[in-house]
């Protein structure tokens, strides 16, 4: 299969074949990351702009390093130090960047749909690095890649996503990817953060954490989105940790070989106890490593690269 899309805006619109193609190419790039010389020349002469209108550390650095390892030139652009702060529109900002021959625009924005808006007029390739509470496609891909590499498959696995589902773009991208690849997905958290409307995406919804994680092959813990929530979603952090945090007692309910995942940054002692976050069942740092390979794969494929030709 050959990739034939100009942009990566979401996972909802991708087929299972397209998702698997990205994961297959990511495996090739993970091998590149294990070499002494970690660079390839696939994007030599191309310019990648990290346009982060919303703050980020992990995602921005991961995209930057992915582009550099593909031999691209990289420009990091933040809203706080730009004309956006002076009232310039996003459209005008991107048109100015394209006037300087930007080839890729990697956009993180607080408004849902911002990358889709850009894709309607941009000559550059647009990659969604997170838009509001809508989607975070490369996070969904790296999570799926991590599960597939560790378990050898995704179809038939019991995956529980636990935490702030309502405000989480990570949850939505994970749901689309995992359901398309055949996983059985359960969502759990406070009723205010896990409405039953998510059942329309093919998930099981429960507000009982013990029921949600019993026999699970994978538990993906989501950060409490303090910056997007109203403060009335649950009474206190302490109550959340007590009712929904992953602790030693709850670990015994999981499948004996279950994976513990978290997109980061972790609120230790809230979503998960520190010993578990750093324990042998945790693949949290592995997710970070795999994120680099996945983002290299996305840039490579959108630029016209073909699977099996990574050097």
C-alpha atoms as a PDB file:
ATOM      1  CA  UNK A   1       0.000   0.000   0.000  1.00  0.00           C
ATOM      2  CA  UNK A   2       1.154   3.542  -0.818  1.00  0.00           C
ATOM      3  CA  UNK A   3       0.274   6.596   1.274  1.00  0.00           C
ATOM      4  CA  UNK A   4      -1.669   9.136  -0.812  1.00  0.00           C
ATOM      5  CA  UNK A   5      -2.791  11.852   1.625  1.00  0.00           C
ATOM      6  CA  UNK A   6      -1.294  15.349   1.712  1.00  0.00           C
ATOM      7  CA  UNK A   7      -2.008  15.899   5.410  1.00  0.00           C
ATOM      8  CA  UNK A   8      -2.506  14.052   8.702  1.00  0.00           C
ATOM      9  CA  UNK A   9      -5.448  15.757  10.376  1.00  0.00           C
ATOM     10  CA  UNK A  10      -7.095  12.983  12.408  1.00  0.00           C
ATOM     11  CA  UNK A  11      -7.416   9.222  12.779  1.00  0.00           C
ATOM     12  CA  UNK A  12     -11.188   9.183  12.378  1.00  0.00           C
ATOM     13  CA  UNK A  13     -10.843   9.473   8.602  1.00  0.00           C
ATOM     14  CA  UNK A  14      -8.031   6.902   8.229  1.00  0.00           C
ATOM     15  CA  UNK A  15      -8.638   3.280   7.284  1.00  0.00           C
ATOM     16  CA  UNK A  16      -7.169   0.401   9.263  1.00  0.00           C
ATOM     17  CA  UNK A  17      -4.830  -0.209   6.301  1.00  0.00           C
ATOM     18  CA  UNK A  18      -3.515   3.361   6.465  1.00  0.00           C
ATOM     19  CA  UNK A  19      -2.977   3.125  10.219  1.00  0.00           C
ATOM     20  CA  UNK A  20      -1.124  -0.178   9.850  1.00  0.00           C
ATOM     21  CA  UNK A  21       1.020   1.327   7.080  1.00  0.00           C
ATOM     22  CA  UNK A  22       2.189   4.082   9.426  1.00  0.00           C
ATOM     23  CA  UNK A  23       2.894   1.539  12.173  1.00  0.00           C
ATOM     24  CA  UNK A  24       4.865  -0.676   9.780  1.00  0.00           C
ATOM     25  CA  UNK A  25       7.035   2.226   8.625  1.00  0.00           C
ATOM     26  CA  UNK A  26       7.461   3.352  12.252  1.00  0.00           C
ATOM     27  CA  UNK A  27       9.034  -0.025  12.971  1.00  0.00           C
ATOM     28  CA  UNK A  28      11.621   0.696  10.270  1.00  0.00           C
ATOM     29  CA  UNK A  29      12.385   4.076  11.829  1.00  0.00           C
ATOM     30  CA  UNK A  30      12.652   2.632  15.313  1.00  0.00           C
ATOM     31  CA  UNK A  31      15.466   0.454  13.946  1.00  0.00           C
ATOM     32  CA  UNK A  32      17.089   3.619  12.544  1.00  0.00           C
ATOM     33  CA  UNK A  33      17.013   5.089  16.054  1.00  0.00           C
ATOM     34  CA  UNK A  34      19.032   2.143  17.349  1.00  0.00           C
ATOM     35  CA  UNK A  35      21.915   2.709  14.913  1.00  0.00           C
ATOM     36  CA  UNK A  36      25.093   4.635  15.630  1.00  0.00           C
ATOM     37  CA  UNK A  37      24.165   7.092  12.855  1.00  0.00           C
ATOM     38  CA  UNK A  38      20.523   7.895  13.429  1.00  0.00           C
ATOM     39  CA  UNK A  39      19.970  10.191  10.442  1.00  0.00           C
ATOM     40  CA  UNK A  40      18.478   9.505   7.032  1.00  0.00           C
ATOM     41  CA  UNK A  41      18.247  11.948   4.129  1.00  0.00           C
ATOM     42  CA  UNK A  42      14.540  11.539   3.310  1.00  0.00           C
ATOM     43  CA  UNK A  43      13.627  15.209   4.017  1.00  0.00           C
ATOM     44  CA  UNK A  44      16.900  16.834   3.008  1.00  0.00           C
ATOM     45  CA  UNK A  45      16.190  20.307   1.606  1.00  0.00           C
ATOM     46  CA  UNK A  46      12.692  20.437   3.154  1.00  0.00           C
ATOM     47  CA  UNK A  47      11.611  22.944   5.803  1.00  0.00           C
ATOM     48  CA  UNK A  48       9.427  21.866   8.718  1.00  0.00           C
ATOM     49  CA  UNK A  49       7.729  24.520  10.850  1.00  0.00           C
ATOM     50  CA  UNK A  50       6.561  23.587  14.344  1.00  0.00           C
ATOM     51  CA  UNK A  51       3.687  26.044  14.759  1.00  0.00           C
ATOM     52  CA  UNK A  52       2.670  25.586  18.381  1.00  0.00           C
ATOM     53  CA  UNK A  53      -0.033  28.062  19.306  1.00  0.00           C
ATOM     54  CA  UNK A  54      -0.674  26.006  22.454  1.00  0.00           C
ATOM     55  CA  UNK A  55       2.201  25.125  24.826  1.00  0.00           C
ATOM     56  CA  UNK A  56       3.921  21.754  24.549  1.00  0.00           C
ATOM     57  CA  UNK A  57       7.210  20.172  25.483  1.00  0.00           C
ATOM     58  CA  UNK A  58       7.147  16.477  24.591  1.00  0.00           C
ATOM     59  CA  UNK A  59       5.259  16.713  21.316  1.00  0.00           C
ATOM     60  CA  UNK A  60       7.200  19.701  20.004  1.00  0.00           C
ATOM     61  CA  UNK A  61      10.598  18.204  20.847  1.00  0.00           C
ATOM     62  CA  UNK A  62       9.562  14.850  19.385  1.00  0.00           C
ATOM     63  CA  UNK A  63       8.471  16.422  16.089  1.00  0.00           C
ATOM     64  CA  UNK A  64      11.607  18.574  15.999  1.00  0.00           C
ATOM     65  CA  UNK A  65      13.901  15.618  16.546  1.00  0.00           C
ATOM     66  CA  UNK A  66      11.948  13.511  14.038  1.00  0.00           C
ATOM     67  CA  UNK A  67      12.384  16.196  11.363  1.00  0.00           C
ATOM     68  CA  UNK A  68      16.089  16.658  12.170  1.00  0.00           C
ATOM     69  CA  UNK A  69      16.724  12.912  11.940  1.00  0.00           C
ATOM     70  CA  UNK A  70      15.120  13.007   8.495  1.00  0.00           C
ATOM     71  CA  UNK A  71      17.624  15.801   7.613  1.00  0.00           C
ATOM     72  CA  UNK A  72      15.009  18.582   7.334  1.00  0.00           C
ATOM     73  CA  UNK A  73      15.529  22.200   8.361  1.00  0.00           C
ATOM     74  CA  UNK A  74      13.347  22.999  11.383  1.00  0.00           C
ATOM     75  CA  UNK A  75      11.826  26.249  12.594  1.00  0.00           C
ATOM     76  CA  UNK A  76      10.147  26.354  15.996  1.00  0.00           C
ATOM     77  CA  UNK A  77       7.401  28.941  16.195  1.00  0.00           C
ATOM     78  CA  UNK A  78       5.485  29.730  19.398  1.00  0.00           C
ATOM     79  CA  UNK A  79       2.504  32.037  19.760  1.00  0.00           C
ATOM     80  CA  UNK A  80       4.021  33.902  22.713  1.00  0.00           C
ATOM     81  CA  UNK A  81       6.922  35.129  20.576  1.00  0.00           C
ATOM     82  CA  UNK A  82       5.074  35.781  17.342  1.00  0.00           C
ATOM     83  CA  UNK A  83       2.779  38.150  15.489  1.00  0.00           C
ATOM     84  CA  UNK A  84      -0.140  36.009  16.629  1.00  0.00           C
ATOM     85  CA  UNK A  85       0.326  37.771  19.952  1.00  0.00           C
ATOM     86  CA  UNK A  86      -0.176  41.081  18.100  1.00  0.00           C
ATOM     87  CA  UNK A  87      -3.465  39.985  16.565  1.00  0.00           C
ATOM     88  CA  UNK A  88      -2.327  38.440  13.281  1.00  0.00           C
ATOM     89  CA  UNK A  89      -4.670  35.687  12.090  1.00  0.00           C
ATOM     90  CA  UNK A  90      -3.580  32.075  11.880  1.00  0.00           C
ATOM     91  CA  UNK A  91      -4.274  32.150   8.147  1.00  0.00           C
ATOM     92  CA  UNK A  92      -1.979  35.148   7.592  1.00  0.00           C
ATOM     93  CA  UNK A  93       0.726  33.606   9.757  1.00  0.00           C
ATOM     94  CA  UNK A  94       0.717  30.410   7.689  1.00  0.00           C
ATOM     95  CA  UNK A  95       0.668  32.296   4.398  1.00  0.00           C
ATOM     96  CA  UNK A  96       3.736  34.235   5.509  1.00  0.00           C
ATOM     97  CA  UNK A  97       5.505  31.012   6.462  1.00  0.00           C
ATOM     98  CA  UNK A  98       4.633  29.530   3.083  1.00  0.00           C
ATOM     99  CA  UNK A  99       5.978  32.642   1.389  1.00  0.00           C
ATOM    100  CA  UNK A 100       9.297  31.577   2.937  1.00  0.00           C
ATOM    101  CA  UNK A 101       8.854  28.127   1.340  1.00  0.00           C
ATOM    102  CA  UNK A 102       7.791  26.086   4.362  1.00  0.00           C
ATOM    103  CA  UNK A 103       7.028  22.520   3.255  1.00  0.00           C
ATOM    104  CA  UNK A 104       5.396  21.170   6.442  1.00  0.00           C
ATOM    105  CA  UNK A 105       3.293  22.958   9.049  1.00  0.00           C
ATOM    106  CA  UNK A 106       2.971  20.989  12.270  1.00  0.00           C
ATOM    107  CA  UNK A 107       0.171  22.690  14.171  1.00  0.00           C
ATOM    108  CA  UNK A 108      -0.863  22.494  17.801  1.00  0.00           C
ATOM    109  CA  UNK A 109      -3.808  24.734  18.560  1.00  0.00           C
ATOM    110  CA  UNK A 110      -6.353  25.169  21.336  1.00  0.00           C
ATOM    111  CA  UNK A 111      -9.245  25.381  18.866  1.00  0.00           C
ATOM    112  CA  UNK A 112     -10.728  22.108  17.639  1.00  0.00           C
ATOM    113  CA  UNK A 113     -10.622  21.963  13.858  1.00  0.00           C
ATOM    114  CA  UNK A 114      -7.753  24.423  13.371  1.00  0.00           C
ATOM    115  CA  UNK A 115      -5.619  21.977  11.304  1.00  0.00           C
ATOM    116  CA  UNK A 116      -8.630  21.136   9.120  1.00  0.00           C
ATOM    117  CA  UNK A 117      -9.144  24.861   8.552  1.00  0.00           C
ATOM    118  CA  UNK A 118      -5.513  25.289   7.477  1.00  0.00           C
ATOM    119  CA  UNK A 119      -5.663  22.299   5.144  1.00  0.00           C
ATOM    120  CA  UNK A 120      -8.350  24.022   3.056  1.00  0.00           C
ATOM    121  CA  UNK A 121      -5.923  26.652   1.766  1.00  0.00           C
ATOM    122  CA  UNK A 122      -2.388  25.615   2.755  1.00  0.00           C
ATOM    123  CA  UNK A 123       0.085  24.615   0.069  1.00  0.00           C
ATOM    124  CA  UNK A 124       2.222  23.012   2.772  1.00  0.00           C
ATOM    125  CA  UNK A 125       1.563  19.612   4.277  1.00  0.00           C
ATOM    126  CA  UNK A 126      -0.384  20.053   7.540  1.00  0.00           C
ATOM    127  CA  UNK A 127       0.092  17.681  10.470  1.00  0.00           C
ATOM    128  CA  UNK A 128      -2.169  17.926  13.497  1.00  0.00           C
ATOM    129  CA  UNK A 129      -0.135  17.946  16.724  1.00  0.00           C
ATOM    130  CA  UNK A 130      -3.271  18.326  18.862  1.00  0.00           C
ATOM    131  CA  UNK A 131      -6.324  20.521  18.314  1.00  0.00           C
ATOM    132  CA  UNK A 132      -8.424  21.474  21.321  1.00  0.00           C
ATOM    133  CA  UNK A 133     -10.249  18.466  22.744  1.00  0.00           C
ATOM    134  CA  UNK A 134     -10.664  16.973  19.258  1.00  0.00           C
ATOM    135  CA  UNK A 135      -7.740  14.715  18.292  1.00  0.00           C
ATOM    136  CA  UNK A 136      -4.012  14.120  18.738  1.00  0.00           C
ATOM    137  CA  UNK A 137      -3.375  11.663  15.905  1.00  0.00           C
ATOM    138  CA  UNK A 138       0.334  10.978  16.382  1.00  0.00           C
ATOM    139  CA  UNK A 139      -0.260  10.220  20.078  1.00  0.00           C
ATOM    140  CA  UNK A 140      -2.966   7.737  19.114  1.00  0.00           C
ATOM    141  CA  UNK A 141      -0.595   6.186  16.582  1.00  0.00           C
ATOM    142  CA  UNK A 142       2.324   5.900  18.994  1.00  0.00           C
ATOM    143  CA  UNK A 143       0.080   4.311  21.604  1.00  0.00           C
ATOM    144  CA  UNK A 144      -1.206   1.779  19.070  1.00  0.00           C
ATOM    145  CA  UNK A 145       2.371   1.134  17.920  1.00  0.00           C
ATOM    146  CA  UNK A 146       3.533   0.535  21.492  1.00  0.00           C
ATOM    147  CA  UNK A 147       0.718  -1.952  22.119  1.00  0.00           C
ATOM    148  CA  UNK A 148       1.299  -3.793  18.837  1.00  0.00           C
ATOM    149  CA  UNK A 149       5.061  -4.034  19.368  1.00  0.00           C
ATOM    150  CA  UNK A 150       4.646  -5.358  22.914  1.00  0.00           C
ATOM    151  CA  UNK A 151       1.662  -7.642  22.348  1.00  0.00           C
ATOM    152  CA  UNK A 152       2.195  -8.605  18.720  1.00  0.00           C
ATOM    153  CA  UNK A 153      -1.372  -7.613  17.846  1.00  0.00           C
ATOM    154  CA  UNK A 154      -4.176  -5.228  18.742  1.00  0.00           C
ATOM    155  CA  UNK A 155      -7.213  -7.171  17.547  1.00  0.00           C
ATOM    156  CA  UNK A 156      -9.026  -8.824  20.447  1.00  0.00           C
ATOM    157  CA  UNK A 157      -7.104  -7.061  23.216  1.00  0.00           C
ATOM    158  CA  UNK A 158      -8.992  -5.539  26.138  1.00  0.00           C
ATOM    159  CA  UNK A 159      -7.877  -1.917  26.435  1.00  0.00           C
ATOM    160  CA  UNK A 160      -9.131   0.343  29.230  1.00  0.00           C
ATOM    161  CA  UNK A 161      -8.735   4.109  28.923  1.00  0.00           C
ATOM    162  CA  UNK A 162      -9.033   5.571  32.392  1.00  0.00           C
ATOM    163  CA  UNK A 163      -9.412   9.212  33.389  1.00  0.00           C
ATOM    164  CA  UNK A 164     -10.471  12.451  31.772  1.00  0.00           C
ATOM    165  CA  UNK A 165     -12.121  11.282  28.552  1.00  0.00           C
ATOM    166  CA  UNK A 166     -14.362  14.290  27.920  1.00  0.00           C
ATOM    167  CA  UNK A 167     -11.561  16.843  27.496  1.00  0.00           C
ATOM    168  CA  UNK A 168      -8.979  14.451  26.055  1.00  0.00           C
ATOM    169  CA  UNK A 169      -7.923  14.588  22.416  1.00  0.00           C
ATOM    170  CA  UNK A 170      -5.621  11.653  23.216  1.00  0.00           C
ATOM    171  CA  UNK A 171      -8.629   9.534  24.190  1.00  0.00           C
ATOM    172  CA  UNK A 172     -10.448  10.257  20.944  1.00  0.00           C
ATOM    173  CA  UNK A 173      -7.462   9.409  18.747  1.00  0.00           C
ATOM    174  CA  UNK A 174      -6.814   6.259  20.765  1.00  0.00           C
ATOM    175  CA  UNK A 175     -10.437   5.180  20.433  1.00  0.00           C
ATOM    176  CA  UNK A 176     -10.442   5.636  16.652  1.00  0.00           C
ATOM    177  CA  UNK A 177      -7.144   3.779  16.181  1.00  0.00           C
ATOM    178  CA  UNK A 178      -7.873   0.933  18.582  1.00  0.00           C
ATOM    179  CA  UNK A 179     -11.414   0.303  17.356  1.00  0.00           C
ATOM    180  CA  UNK A 180     -10.313   0.304  13.712  1.00  0.00           C
ATOM    181  CA  UNK A 181      -7.604  -2.246  14.592  1.00  0.00           C
ATOM    182  CA  UNK A 182     -10.025  -4.527  16.436  1.00  0.00           C
ATOM    183  CA  UNK A 183      -9.497  -3.839  20.142  1.00  0.00           C
ATOM    184  CA  UNK A 184     -12.224  -4.052  22.774  1.00  0.00           C
ATOM    185  CA  UNK A 185     -12.174  -0.559  24.361  1.00  0.00           C
ATOM    186  CA  UNK A 186     -13.584   0.343  27.785  1.00  0.00           C
ATOM    187  CA  UNK A 187     -13.725   3.918  29.086  1.00  0.00           C
ATOM    188  CA  UNK A 188     -13.810   4.761  32.777  1.00  0.00           C
ATOM    189  CA  UNK A 189     -13.629   7.849  34.981  1.00  0.00           C
ATOM    190  CA  UNK A 190     -15.974  10.164  36.890  1.00  0.00           C
ATOM    191  CA  UNK A 191     -19.451  10.348  35.276  1.00  0.00           C
ATOM    192  CA  UNK A 192     -18.882  14.057  34.613  1.00  0.00           C
ATOM    193  CA  UNK A 193     -15.814  13.188  32.508  1.00  0.00           C
ATOM    194  CA  UNK A 194     -17.047   9.987  30.827  1.00  0.00           C
ATOM    195  CA  UNK A 195     -20.498  10.645  29.346  1.00  0.00           C
ATOM    196  CA  UNK A 196     -22.362   7.796  27.692  1.00  0.00           C
ATOM    197  CA  UNK A 197     -22.184   9.595  24.345  1.00  0.00           C
ATOM    198  CA  UNK A 198     -18.824   7.822  23.860  1.00  0.00           C
ATOM    199  CA  UNK A 199     -20.731   4.565  23.439  1.00  0.00           C
ATOM    200  CA  UNK A 200     -21.561   5.876  19.966  1.00  0.00           C
ATOM    201  CA  UNK A 201     -17.871   5.360  19.117  1.00  0.00           C
ATOM    202  CA  UNK A 202     -18.202   1.647  19.894  1.00  0.00           C
ATOM    203  CA  UNK A 203     -16.779   1.756  23.428  1.00  0.00           C
ATOM    204  CA  UNK A 204     -18.060   0.354  26.679  1.00  0.00           C
ATOM    205  CA  UNK A 205     -18.563   3.049  29.323  1.00  0.00           C
ATOM    206  CA  UNK A 206     -18.436   2.322  33.038  1.00  0.00           C
ATOM    207  CA  UNK A 207     -17.854   4.465  36.120  1.00  0.00           C
ATOM    208  CA  UNK A 208     -16.663   1.526  38.241  1.00  0.00           C
ATOM    209  CA  UNK A 209     -12.883   1.352  38.047  1.00  0.00           C
ATOM    210  CA  UNK A 210     -12.626  -2.235  39.309  1.00  0.00           C
ATOM    211  CA  UNK A 211     -15.072  -3.404  36.650  1.00  0.00           C
ATOM    212  CA  UNK A 212     -13.242  -1.396  33.976  1.00  0.00           C
ATOM    213  CA  UNK A 213      -9.758  -2.791  34.605  1.00  0.00           C
ATOM    214  CA  UNK A 214     -10.596  -6.406  35.536  1.00  0.00           C
ATOM    215  CA  UNK A 215      -8.720  -8.638  33.080  1.00  0.00           C
ATOM    216  CA  UNK A 216      -7.510  -5.700  30.971  1.00  0.00           C
ATOM    217  CA  UNK A 217      -4.523  -6.301  28.695  1.00  0.00           C
ATOM    218  CA  UNK A 218      -3.698  -2.579  28.571  1.00  0.00           C
ATOM    219  CA  UNK A 219      -4.594   0.346  30.828  1.00  0.00           C
ATOM    220  CA  UNK A 220      -3.982   3.792  29.367  1.00  0.00           C
ATOM    221  CA  UNK A 221      -4.154   6.449  32.087  1.00  0.00           C
ATOM    222  CA  UNK A 222      -5.059   9.966  31.036  1.00  0.00           C
ATOM    223  CA  UNK A 223      -3.896  13.131  32.720  1.00  0.00           C
ATOM    224  CA  UNK A 224      -6.441  15.329  34.451  1.00  0.00           C
ATOM    225  CA  UNK A 225      -6.813  18.252  32.042  1.00  0.00           C
ATOM    226  CA  UNK A 226      -6.763  21.080  34.586  1.00  0.00           C
ATOM    227  CA  UNK A 227      -6.275  23.663  31.841  1.00  0.00           C
ATOM    228  CA  UNK A 228      -9.428  22.612  29.957  1.00  0.00           C
ATOM    229  CA  UNK A 229     -11.742  21.549  32.763  1.00  0.00           C
ATOM    230  CA  UNK A 230     -14.087  23.500  34.845  1.00  0.00           C
ATOM    231  CA  UNK A 231     -13.284  22.994  38.497  1.00  0.00           C
ATOM    232  CA  UNK A 232     -16.639  21.345  39.181  1.00  0.00           C
ATOM    233  CA  UNK A 233     -15.965  18.040  37.398  1.00  0.00           C
ATOM    234  CA  UNK A 234     -15.050  16.236  40.636  1.00  0.00           C
ATOM    235  CA  UNK A 235     -14.788  17.381  44.255  1.00  0.00           C
ATOM    236  CA  UNK A 236     -11.024  17.068  44.772  1.00  0.00           C
ATOM    237  CA  UNK A 237      -7.806  15.572  43.476  1.00  0.00           C
ATOM    238  CA  UNK A 238      -7.694  13.355  46.556  1.00  0.00           C
ATOM    239  CA  UNK A 239     -11.119  11.911  45.819  1.00  0.00           C
ATOM    240  CA  UNK A 240     -10.185  11.320  42.188  1.00  0.00           C
ATOM    241  CA  UNK A 241      -7.038   9.418  43.239  1.00  0.00           C
ATOM    242  CA  UNK A 242      -9.026   7.367  45.727  1.00  0.00           C
ATOM    243  CA  UNK A 243     -11.795   6.408  43.312  1.00  0.00           C
ATOM    244  CA  UNK A 244      -9.971   6.184  39.975  1.00  0.00           C
ATOM    245  CA  UNK A 245      -6.199   6.204  40.546  1.00  0.00           C
ATOM    246  CA  UNK A 246      -4.185   3.097  39.699  1.00  0.00           C
ATOM    247  CA  UNK A 247      -2.633   1.690  42.850  1.00  0.00           C
ATOM    248  CA  UNK A 248      -1.090  -1.596  44.000  1.00  0.00           C
ATOM    249  CA  UNK A 249      -4.421  -3.060  45.103  1.00  0.00           C
ATOM    250  CA  UNK A 250      -6.037  -2.400  41.724  1.00  0.00           C
ATOM    251  CA  UNK A 251      -3.032  -3.786  39.833  1.00  0.00           C
ATOM    252  CA  UNK A 252      -4.033  -7.284  40.961  1.00  0.00           C
ATOM    253  CA  UNK A 253      -7.216  -7.024  38.891  1.00  0.00           C
ATOM    254  CA  UNK A 254      -5.352  -6.591  35.603  1.00  0.00           C
ATOM    255  CA  UNK A 255      -4.208  -9.369  33.319  1.00  0.00           C
ATOM    256  CA  UNK A 256      -0.870 -10.630  34.709  1.00  0.00           C
ATOM    257  CA  UNK A 257       0.980  -9.296  31.661  1.00  0.00           C
ATOM    258  CA  UNK A 258      -0.961  -6.047  31.300  1.00  0.00           C
ATOM    259  CA  UNK A 259       0.751  -2.887  30.037  1.00  0.00           C
ATOM    260  CA  UNK A 260       0.503   0.429  31.901  1.00  0.00           C
ATOM    261  CA  UNK A 261       0.503   3.477  29.631  1.00  0.00           C
ATOM    262  CA  UNK A 262       0.292   7.240  30.089  1.00  0.00           C
ATOM    263  CA  UNK A 263       0.734  10.022  27.487  1.00  0.00           C
ATOM    264  CA  UNK A 264       2.422  12.324  30.029  1.00  0.00           C
ATOM    265  CA  UNK A 265       3.016  14.482  31.843  1.00  0.00           C
ATOM    266  CA  UNK A 266       2.093  12.299  34.812  1.00  0.00           C
ATOM    267  CA  UNK A 267       0.375  13.614  37.909  1.00  0.00           C
ATOM    268  CA  UNK A 268       2.089  11.166  40.257  1.00  0.00           C
ATOM    269  CA  UNK A 269      -0.109  10.013  43.097  1.00  0.00           C
ATOM    270  CA  UNK A 270      -3.227  11.082  41.180  1.00  0.00           C
ATOM    271  CA  UNK A 271      -3.618   8.983  38.022  1.00  0.00           C
ATOM    272  CA  UNK A 272      -1.015   6.460  39.162  1.00  0.00           C
ATOM    273  CA  UNK A 273       1.244   5.703  42.110  1.00  0.00           C
ATOM    274  CA  UNK A 274       4.918   6.463  41.479  1.00  0.00           C
ATOM    275  CA  UNK A 275       6.069   2.867  42.033  1.00  0.00           C
ATOM    276  CA  UNK A 276       3.739   1.667  39.282  1.00  0.00           C
ATOM    277  CA  UNK A 277       4.706   4.456  36.881  1.00  0.00           C
ATOM    278  CA  UNK A 278       8.340   3.394  37.265  1.00  0.00           C
ATOM    279  CA  UNK A 279       7.637  -0.353  37.512  1.00  0.00           C
ATOM    280  CA  UNK A 280       8.242  -3.239  35.153  1.00  0.00           C
ATOM    281  CA  UNK A 281       4.742  -3.197  33.642  1.00  0.00           C
ATOM    282  CA  UNK A 282       5.000   0.479  32.699  1.00  0.00           C
ATOM    283  CA  UNK A 283       5.794   1.337  29.060  1.00  0.00           C
ATOM    284  CA  UNK A 284       5.521   5.099  29.564  1.00  0.00           C
ATOM    285  CA  UNK A 285       9.098   5.898  28.490  1.00  0.00           C
ATOM    286  CA  UNK A 286       8.816   3.379  25.666  1.00  0.00           C
ATOM    287  CA  UNK A 287       5.868   5.431  24.393  1.00  0.00           C
ATOM    288  CA  UNK A 288       8.174   8.450  24.188  1.00  0.00           C
ATOM    289  CA  UNK A 289      10.765   6.499  22.183  1.00  0.00           C
ATOM    290  CA  UNK A 290       8.080   5.105  19.887  1.00  0.00           C
ATOM    291  CA  UNK A 291       6.601   8.571  19.403  1.00  0.00           C
ATOM    292  CA  UNK A 292       9.790   9.657  17.657  1.00  0.00           C
ATOM    293  CA  UNK A 293       9.627   6.685  15.268  1.00  0.00           C
ATOM    294  CA  UNK A 294       5.936   7.281  14.534  1.00  0.00           C
ATOM    295  CA  UNK A 295       6.460  10.975  13.776  1.00  0.00           C
ATOM    296  CA  UNK A 296       9.382  10.162  11.503  1.00  0.00           C
ATOM    297  CA  UNK A 297       7.110   7.695   9.696  1.00  0.00           C
ATOM    298  CA  UNK A 298       4.339  10.279   9.276  1.00  0.00           C
ATOM    299  CA  UNK A 299       6.701  12.932   7.868  1.00  0.00           C
ATOM    300  CA  UNK A 300       8.345  10.367   5.597  1.00  0.00           C
ATOM    301  CA  UNK A 301       5.077   9.007   4.164  1.00  0.00           C
ATOM    302  CA  UNK A 302       3.486  12.417   3.633  1.00  0.00           C
ATOM    303  CA  UNK A 303       6.635  13.456   1.756  1.00  0.00           C
ATOM    304  CA  UNK A 304       6.123  10.537  -0.648  1.00  0.00           C
ATOM    305  CA  UNK A 305       8.333   7.938   1.010  1.00  0.00           C
ATOM    306  CA  UNK A 306       7.567   4.273   0.478  1.00  0.00           C
ATOM    307  CA  UNK A 307       7.612   1.421   2.983  1.00  0.00           C
ATOM    308  CA  UNK A 308      10.682  -0.801   2.793  1.00  0.00           C
ATOM    309  CA  UNK A 309      12.850   1.983   1.356  1.00  0.00           C
ATOM    310  CA  UNK A 310      14.088   3.535   4.615  1.00  0.00           C
ATOM    311  CA  UNK A 311      17.897   3.690   4.579  1.00  0.00           C
END
